[in-house]
Amino acid sequence: MTEASRSLALGARGEQLAAAYLKGKKFVILERNYRCKGGEVDIIARDGRTVVFVEVKTRRNHAFGLPQEAVTLFKQRQISKAALVWLSQHRQLEAPARFDVVAVVLGDNEVPDIDHIKNAFDLAF
């Protein structure tokens, strides 16, 4: 298995864990891996009446810092663009919305460490 395929598998596993975690917190998953011309969103969910755009970052350890530190301003802008497209397509532009980050650390044979950061950032342009 190449490093790139290991990284993709790690990311997919992190997204599965994040979706299960959010479901356990009573979020309703609306869509996963939403992509459009402007960007992409890992998970789109509903928390009560609020539409939540969730970026999932997964790491094997903390060697390169905390996973959530990888959600750069550039990434926030991409997520923001995709969120606006999704809201427009679903006629939800007036709905309350927010941006969350779920950071997952998957150590060897350990229980995953999941950190859910609500309102992690504001709409970015």
N, C-alpha and C. Protein backbone atom coordinates (compact mmCIF):
# COMPACT_ATOMS: atom_id res chain seq x y z
N MET A 1 0.85 -1.18 0.00
CA MET A 1 0.00 0.00 0.00
C MET A 1 0.90 1.24 0.00
N THR A 2 0.63 2.15 -0.90
CA THR A 2 1.43 3.37 -0.99
C THR A 2 1.05 4.33 0.14
N GLU A 3 1.90 5.32 0.35
CA GLU A 3 1.62 6.32 1.39
C GLU A 3 0.34 7.09 1.07
N ALA A 4 0.13 7.39 -0.22
CA ALA A 4 -1.08 8.12 -0.63
C ALA A 4 -2.33 7.30 -0.34
N SER A 5 -2.30 6.01 -0.64
CA SER A 5 -3.49 5.18 -0.38
C SER A 5 -3.70 4.97 1.12
N ARG A 6 -2.61 4.90 1.89
CA ARG A 6 -2.75 4.81 3.35
C ARG A 6 -3.37 6.07 3.90
N SER A 7 -2.98 7.22 3.35
CA SER A 7 -3.52 8.50 3.79
C SER A 7 -5.01 8.60 3.46
N LEU A 8 -5.39 8.16 2.26
CA LEU A 8 -6.81 8.17 1.88
C LEU A 8 -7.62 7.25 2.79
N ALA A 9 -7.08 6.07 3.08
CA ALA A 9 -7.77 5.13 3.96
C ALA A 9 -7.92 5.71 5.36
N LEU A 10 -6.88 6.38 5.85
CA LEU A 10 -6.93 7.00 7.17
C LEU A 10 -8.01 8.08 7.20
N GLY A 11 -8.06 8.91 6.17
CA GLY A 11 -9.07 9.95 6.08
C GLY A 11 -10.48 9.39 6.04
N ALA A 12 -10.68 8.33 5.26
CA ALA A 12 -12.00 7.69 5.16
C ALA A 12 -12.41 7.11 6.51
N ARG A 13 -11.47 6.49 7.21
CA ARG A 13 -11.76 5.93 8.54
C ARG A 13 -12.13 7.05 9.51
N GLY A 14 -11.40 8.15 9.45
CA GLY A 14 -11.69 9.28 10.32
C GLY A 14 -13.08 9.84 10.05
N GLU A 15 -13.46 9.93 8.77
CA GLU A 15 -14.78 10.44 8.42
C GLU A 15 -15.88 9.49 8.91
N GLN A 16 -15.64 8.18 8.81
CA GLN A 16 -16.62 7.22 9.34
C GLN A 16 -16.80 7.39 10.84
N LEU A 17 -15.70 7.52 11.55
CA LEU A 17 -15.76 7.71 13.01
C LEU A 17 -16.44 9.02 13.37
N ALA A 18 -16.14 10.08 12.62
CA ALA A 18 -16.75 11.38 12.88
C ALA A 18 -18.25 11.33 12.65
N ALA A 19 -18.69 10.68 11.56
CA ALA A 19 -20.12 10.56 11.28
C ALA A 19 -20.82 9.77 12.39
N ALA A 20 -20.22 8.68 12.83
CA ALA A 20 -20.81 7.89 13.92
C ALA A 20 -20.87 8.71 15.20
N TYR A 21 -19.82 9.46 15.49
CA TYR A 21 -19.78 10.31 16.68
C TYR A 21 -20.92 11.33 16.63
N LEU A 22 -21.07 12.01 15.47
CA LEU A 22 -22.11 13.02 15.35
C LEU A 22 -23.51 12.40 15.47
N LYS A 23 -23.71 11.24 14.88
CA LYS A 23 -25.01 10.55 15.02
C LYS A 23 -25.29 10.25 16.49
N GLY A 24 -24.24 9.87 17.22
CA GLY A 24 -24.39 9.61 18.64
C GLY A 24 -24.76 10.85 19.43
N LYS A 25 -24.43 12.02 18.88
CA LYS A 25 -24.79 13.30 19.50
C LYS A 25 -26.11 13.84 18.95
N LYS A 26 -26.86 12.99 18.25
CA LYS A 26 -28.19 13.30 17.72
C LYS A 26 -28.17 14.21 16.49
N PHE A 27 -27.03 14.32 15.83
CA PHE A 27 -26.98 15.03 14.55
C PHE A 27 -27.61 14.12 13.49
N VAL A 28 -28.24 14.72 12.50
CA VAL A 28 -28.76 13.97 11.36
C VAL A 28 -27.81 14.23 10.19
N ILE A 29 -27.21 13.19 9.66
CA ILE A 29 -26.28 13.34 8.54
C ILE A 29 -27.11 13.53 7.27
N LEU A 30 -26.88 14.66 6.59
CA LEU A 30 -27.61 14.97 5.36
C LEU A 30 -26.83 14.53 4.13
N GLU A 31 -25.52 14.68 4.19
CA GLU A 31 -24.69 14.35 3.02
C GLU A 31 -23.24 14.19 3.46
N ARG A 32 -22.53 13.32 2.75
CA ARG A 32 -21.10 13.15 3.01
C ARG A 32 -20.32 13.39 1.72
N ASN A 33 -19.14 13.95 1.86
CA ASN A 33 -18.24 14.20 0.74
C ASN A 33 -18.91 15.00 -0.38
N TYR A 34 -19.55 16.09 -0.01
CA TYR A 34 -20.19 16.98 -0.98
C TYR A 34 -19.11 17.77 -1.72
N ARG A 35 -19.18 17.73 -3.04
CA ARG A 35 -18.21 18.45 -3.86
C ARG A 35 -18.93 19.32 -4.87
N CYS A 36 -18.34 20.49 -5.11
CA CYS A 36 -18.83 21.39 -6.15
C CYS A 36 -17.61 22.13 -6.69
N LYS A 37 -17.84 23.01 -7.65
CA LYS A 37 -16.72 23.71 -8.28
C LYS A 37 -15.88 24.49 -7.27
N GLY A 38 -16.50 25.08 -6.27
CA GLY A 38 -15.79 25.93 -5.32
C GLY A 38 -15.02 25.22 -4.23
N GLY A 39 -15.41 23.98 -3.92
CA GLY A 39 -14.75 23.29 -2.82
C GLY A 39 -15.47 22.02 -2.44
N GLU A 40 -15.23 21.57 -1.23
CA GLU A 40 -15.88 20.34 -0.75
C GLU A 40 -16.08 20.40 0.76
N VAL A 41 -17.06 19.62 1.20
CA VAL A 41 -17.37 19.52 2.62
C VAL A 41 -17.43 18.03 2.96
N ASP A 42 -16.76 17.64 4.04
CA ASP A 42 -16.72 16.23 4.42
C ASP A 42 -18.09 15.71 4.85
N ILE A 43 -18.74 16.45 5.76
CA ILE A 43 -20.04 16.03 6.28
C ILE A 43 -20.95 17.25 6.38
N ILE A 44 -22.17 17.09 5.90
CA ILE A 44 -23.19 18.12 6.10
C ILE A 44 -24.25 17.46 6.97
N ALA A 45 -24.57 18.10 8.09
CA ALA A 45 -25.48 17.51 9.05
C ALA A 45 -26.45 18.57 9.57
N ARG A 46 -27.44 18.09 10.29
CA ARG A 46 -28.38 18.99 10.94
C ARG A 46 -28.30 18.73 12.44
N ASP A 47 -28.10 19.82 13.19
CA ASP A 47 -28.08 19.78 14.65
C ASP A 47 -29.27 20.61 15.09
N GLY A 48 -30.39 19.93 15.36
CA GLY A 48 -31.63 20.65 15.60
C GLY A 48 -32.05 21.32 14.31
N ARG A 49 -32.19 22.65 14.34
CA ARG A 49 -32.57 23.40 13.13
C ARG A 49 -31.36 23.91 12.35
N THR A 50 -30.17 23.76 12.92
CA THR A 50 -28.96 24.33 12.33
C THR A 50 -28.32 23.36 11.34
N VAL A 51 -27.98 23.88 10.15
CA VAL A 51 -27.21 23.11 9.18
C VAL A 51 -25.74 23.26 9.57
N VAL A 52 -25.05 22.13 9.69
CA VAL A 52 -23.66 22.14 10.14
C VAL A 52 -22.77 21.57 9.04
N PHE A 53 -21.77 22.36 8.66
CA PHE A 53 -20.79 21.94 7.68
C PHE A 53 -19.55 21.51 8.46
N VAL A 54 -19.20 20.24 8.33
CA VAL A 54 -18.16 19.65 9.18
C VAL A 54 -16.93 19.27 8.36
N GLU A 55 -15.79 19.79 8.77
CA GLU A 55 -14.51 19.39 8.21
C GLU A 55 -13.90 18.38 9.17
N VAL A 56 -13.50 17.23 8.63
CA VAL A 56 -12.90 16.17 9.45
C VAL A 56 -11.41 16.11 9.13
N LYS A 57 -10.59 16.16 10.15
CA LYS A 57 -9.14 16.02 9.99
C LYS A 57 -8.68 14.86 10.85
N THR A 58 -7.95 13.94 10.23
CA THR A 58 -7.53 12.72 10.91
C THR A 58 -6.01 12.59 10.85
N ARG A 59 -5.43 12.17 11.95
CA ARG A 59 -3.99 11.93 12.03
C ARG A 59 -3.75 10.63 12.78
N ARG A 60 -2.56 10.08 12.57
CA ARG A 60 -2.16 8.86 13.30
C ARG A 60 -1.63 9.20 14.69
N ASN A 61 -1.07 10.42 14.79
CA ASN A 61 -0.50 10.88 16.07
C ASN A 61 -0.38 12.40 16.00
N HIS A 62 0.27 12.96 17.00
CA HIS A 62 0.42 14.42 17.06
C HIS A 62 1.77 14.90 16.53
N ALA A 63 2.48 14.05 15.80
CA ALA A 63 3.82 14.40 15.33
C ALA A 63 3.84 15.67 14.49
N PHE A 64 2.78 15.92 13.74
CA PHE A 64 2.72 17.11 12.90
C PHE A 64 1.74 18.13 13.46
N GLY A 65 1.47 18.07 14.75
CA GLY A 65 0.56 19.00 15.39
C GLY A 65 -0.85 18.42 15.50
N LEU A 66 -1.73 19.22 16.02
CA LEU A 66 -3.12 18.80 16.18
C LEU A 66 -3.81 18.76 14.82
N PRO A 67 -4.70 17.80 14.60
CA PRO A 67 -5.38 17.72 13.29
C PRO A 67 -6.10 19.01 12.92
N GLN A 68 -6.76 19.63 13.89
CA GLN A 68 -7.55 20.83 13.60
C GLN A 68 -6.70 22.00 13.12
N GLU A 69 -5.41 21.96 13.42
CA GLU A 69 -4.52 23.03 12.95
C GLU A 69 -4.36 23.02 11.43
N ALA A 70 -4.74 21.93 10.78
CA ALA A 70 -4.63 21.82 9.33
C ALA A 70 -5.80 22.48 8.60
N VAL A 71 -6.76 23.00 9.35
CA VAL A 71 -7.89 23.70 8.72
C VAL A 71 -7.47 25.16 8.55
N THR A 72 -6.73 25.40 7.48
CA THR A 72 -6.14 26.71 7.19
C THR A 72 -7.22 27.68 6.69
N LEU A 73 -6.85 28.94 6.58
CA LEU A 73 -7.76 29.94 6.03
C LEU A 73 -8.16 29.57 4.60
N PHE A 74 -7.21 29.05 3.82
CA PHE A 74 -7.52 28.61 2.46
C PHE A 74 -8.60 27.52 2.49
N LYS A 75 -8.45 26.54 3.38
CA LYS A 75 -9.42 25.45 3.50
C LYS A 75 -10.77 26.00 3.98
N GLN A 76 -10.74 26.94 4.91
CA GLN A 76 -11.98 27.55 5.39
C GLN A 76 -12.72 28.24 4.24
N ARG A 77 -11.98 28.90 3.37
CA ARG A 77 -12.60 29.56 2.21
C ARG A 77 -13.25 28.54 1.28
N GLN A 78 -12.56 27.43 1.03
CA GLN A 78 -13.12 26.39 0.16
C GLN A 78 -14.40 25.81 0.76
N ILE A 79 -14.38 25.54 2.05
CA ILE A 79 -15.56 24.99 2.72
C ILE A 79 -16.70 26.01 2.68
N SER A 80 -16.37 27.27 2.91
CA SER A 80 -17.38 28.34 2.88
C SER A 80 -18.05 28.42 1.52
N LYS A 81 -17.26 28.38 0.45
CA LYS A 81 -17.83 28.42 -0.91
C LYS A 81 -18.75 27.24 -1.15
N ALA A 82 -18.29 26.05 -0.79
CA ALA A 82 -19.11 24.86 -0.99
C ALA A 82 -20.39 24.93 -0.16
N ALA A 83 -20.29 25.45 1.06
CA ALA A 83 -21.46 25.57 1.93
C ALA A 83 -22.50 26.49 1.30
N LEU A 84 -22.06 27.61 0.76
CA LEU A 84 -23.00 28.54 0.12
C LEU A 84 -23.67 27.91 -1.09
N VAL A 85 -22.92 27.14 -1.87
CA VAL A 85 -23.51 26.45 -3.03
C VAL A 85 -24.55 25.45 -2.54
N TRP A 86 -24.19 24.65 -1.51
CA TRP A 86 -25.12 23.64 -0.99
C TRP A 86 -26.39 24.31 -0.46
N LEU A 87 -26.23 25.35 0.32
CA LEU A 87 -27.40 26.04 0.88
C LEU A 87 -28.29 26.59 -0.23
N SER A 88 -27.68 27.14 -1.27
CA SER A 88 -28.44 27.67 -2.40
C SER A 88 -29.18 26.54 -3.14
N GLN A 89 -28.48 25.46 -3.42
CA GLN A 89 -29.09 24.33 -4.13
C GLN A 89 -30.27 23.74 -3.36
N HIS A 90 -30.19 23.77 -2.05
CA HIS A 90 -31.23 23.17 -1.20
C HIS A 90 -32.22 24.21 -0.66
N ARG A 91 -32.13 25.43 -1.22
CA ARG A 91 -33.02 26.52 -0.80
C ARG A 91 -33.04 26.69 0.71
N GLN A 92 -31.85 26.73 1.27
CA GLN A 92 -31.68 26.84 2.73
C GLN A 92 -30.86 28.08 3.11
N LEU A 93 -30.79 29.07 2.23
CA LEU A 93 -29.94 30.24 2.49
C LEU A 93 -30.33 30.99 3.76
N GLU A 94 -31.57 30.87 4.19
CA GLU A 94 -32.01 31.56 5.41
C GLU A 94 -31.86 30.69 6.66
N ALA A 95 -31.47 29.44 6.47
CA ALA A 95 -31.35 28.52 7.61
C ALA A 95 -30.16 28.90 8.47
N PRO A 96 -30.26 28.71 9.80
CA PRO A 96 -29.08 28.90 10.64
C PRO A 96 -28.03 27.86 10.25
N ALA A 97 -26.78 28.29 10.18
CA ALA A 97 -25.70 27.38 9.77
C ALA A 97 -24.44 27.69 10.56
N ARG A 98 -23.57 26.69 10.65
CA ARG A 98 -22.29 26.90 11.32
C ARG A 98 -21.26 25.93 10.74
N PHE A 99 -19.99 26.19 11.09
CA PHE A 99 -18.88 25.37 10.63
C PHE A 99 -18.21 24.72 11.84
N ASP A 100 -18.19 23.40 11.83
CA ASP A 100 -17.54 22.63 12.89
C ASP A 100 -16.33 21.90 12.33
N VAL A 101 -15.42 21.55 13.20
CA VAL A 101 -14.29 20.68 12.85
C VAL A 101 -14.32 19.50 13.81
N VAL A 102 -14.15 18.30 13.24
CA VAL A 102 -13.99 17.11 14.06
C VAL A 102 -12.57 16.61 13.81
N ALA A 103 -11.76 16.63 14.87
CA ALA A 103 -10.37 16.18 14.80
C ALA A 103 -10.30 14.77 15.37
N VAL A 104 -9.71 13.86 14.60
CA VAL A 104 -9.62 12.46 15.01
C VAL A 104 -8.15 12.06 15.02
N VAL A 105 -7.71 11.47 16.13
CA VAL A 105 -6.36 10.90 16.21
C VAL A 105 -6.52 9.40 16.41
N LEU A 106 -5.98 8.65 15.44
CA LEU A 106 -6.07 7.18 15.46
C LEU A 106 -4.69 6.60 15.75
N GLY A 107 -4.38 6.37 17.00
CA GLY A 107 -3.12 5.74 17.35
C GLY A 107 -3.19 4.25 17.07
N ASP A 108 -2.04 3.58 17.14
CA ASP A 108 -2.01 2.13 16.92
C ASP A 108 -2.75 1.40 18.03
N ASN A 109 -3.78 0.64 17.63
CA ASN A 109 -4.56 -0.19 18.56
C ASN A 109 -5.09 0.58 19.76
N GLU A 110 -5.41 1.85 19.56
CA GLU A 110 -5.95 2.66 20.64
C GLU A 110 -7.38 3.05 20.30
N VAL A 111 -8.09 3.47 21.33
CA VAL A 111 -9.41 4.04 21.12
C VAL A 111 -9.20 5.40 20.46
N PRO A 112 -9.95 5.71 19.40
CA PRO A 112 -9.76 7.00 18.73
C PRO A 112 -10.02 8.17 19.68
N ASP A 113 -9.21 9.21 19.53
CA ASP A 113 -9.40 10.44 20.27
C ASP A 113 -10.14 11.40 19.34
N ILE A 114 -11.38 11.77 19.73
CA ILE A 114 -12.21 12.63 18.89
C ILE A 114 -12.46 13.93 19.61
N ASP A 115 -12.13 15.04 18.92
CA ASP A 115 -12.34 16.38 19.46
C ASP A 115 -13.28 17.12 18.51
N HIS A 116 -14.48 17.46 19.00
CA HIS A 116 -15.49 18.14 18.19
C HIS A 116 -15.46 19.63 18.55
N ILE A 117 -15.09 20.45 17.59
CA ILE A 117 -15.01 21.89 17.82
C ILE A 117 -16.19 22.55 17.11
N LYS A 118 -17.18 22.96 17.90
CA LYS A 118 -18.34 23.65 17.34
C LYS A 118 -17.98 25.09 17.03
N ASN A 119 -18.59 25.63 15.96
CA ASN A 119 -18.32 27.01 15.55
C ASN A 119 -16.81 27.25 15.41
N ALA A 120 -16.13 26.32 14.76
CA ALA A 120 -14.67 26.38 14.64
C ALA A 120 -14.20 27.61 13.87
N PHE A 121 -15.02 28.06 12.91
CA PHE A 121 -14.67 29.27 12.16
C PHE A 121 -15.93 29.87 11.57
N ASP A 122 -15.81 31.12 11.14
CA ASP A 122 -16.91 31.84 10.50
C ASP A 122 -16.78 31.74 8.99
N LEU A 123 -17.83 32.11 8.30
CA LEU A 123 -17.82 32.16 6.84
C LEU A 123 -16.59 32.94 6.39
N ALA A 124 -15.78 32.34 5.52
CA ALA A 124 -14.51 32.95 5.11
C ALA A 124 -14.49 33.21 3.62
N PHE A 125 -13.95 34.38 3.23
CA PHE A 125 -13.79 34.72 1.81
C PHE A 125 -12.43 35.27 1.53
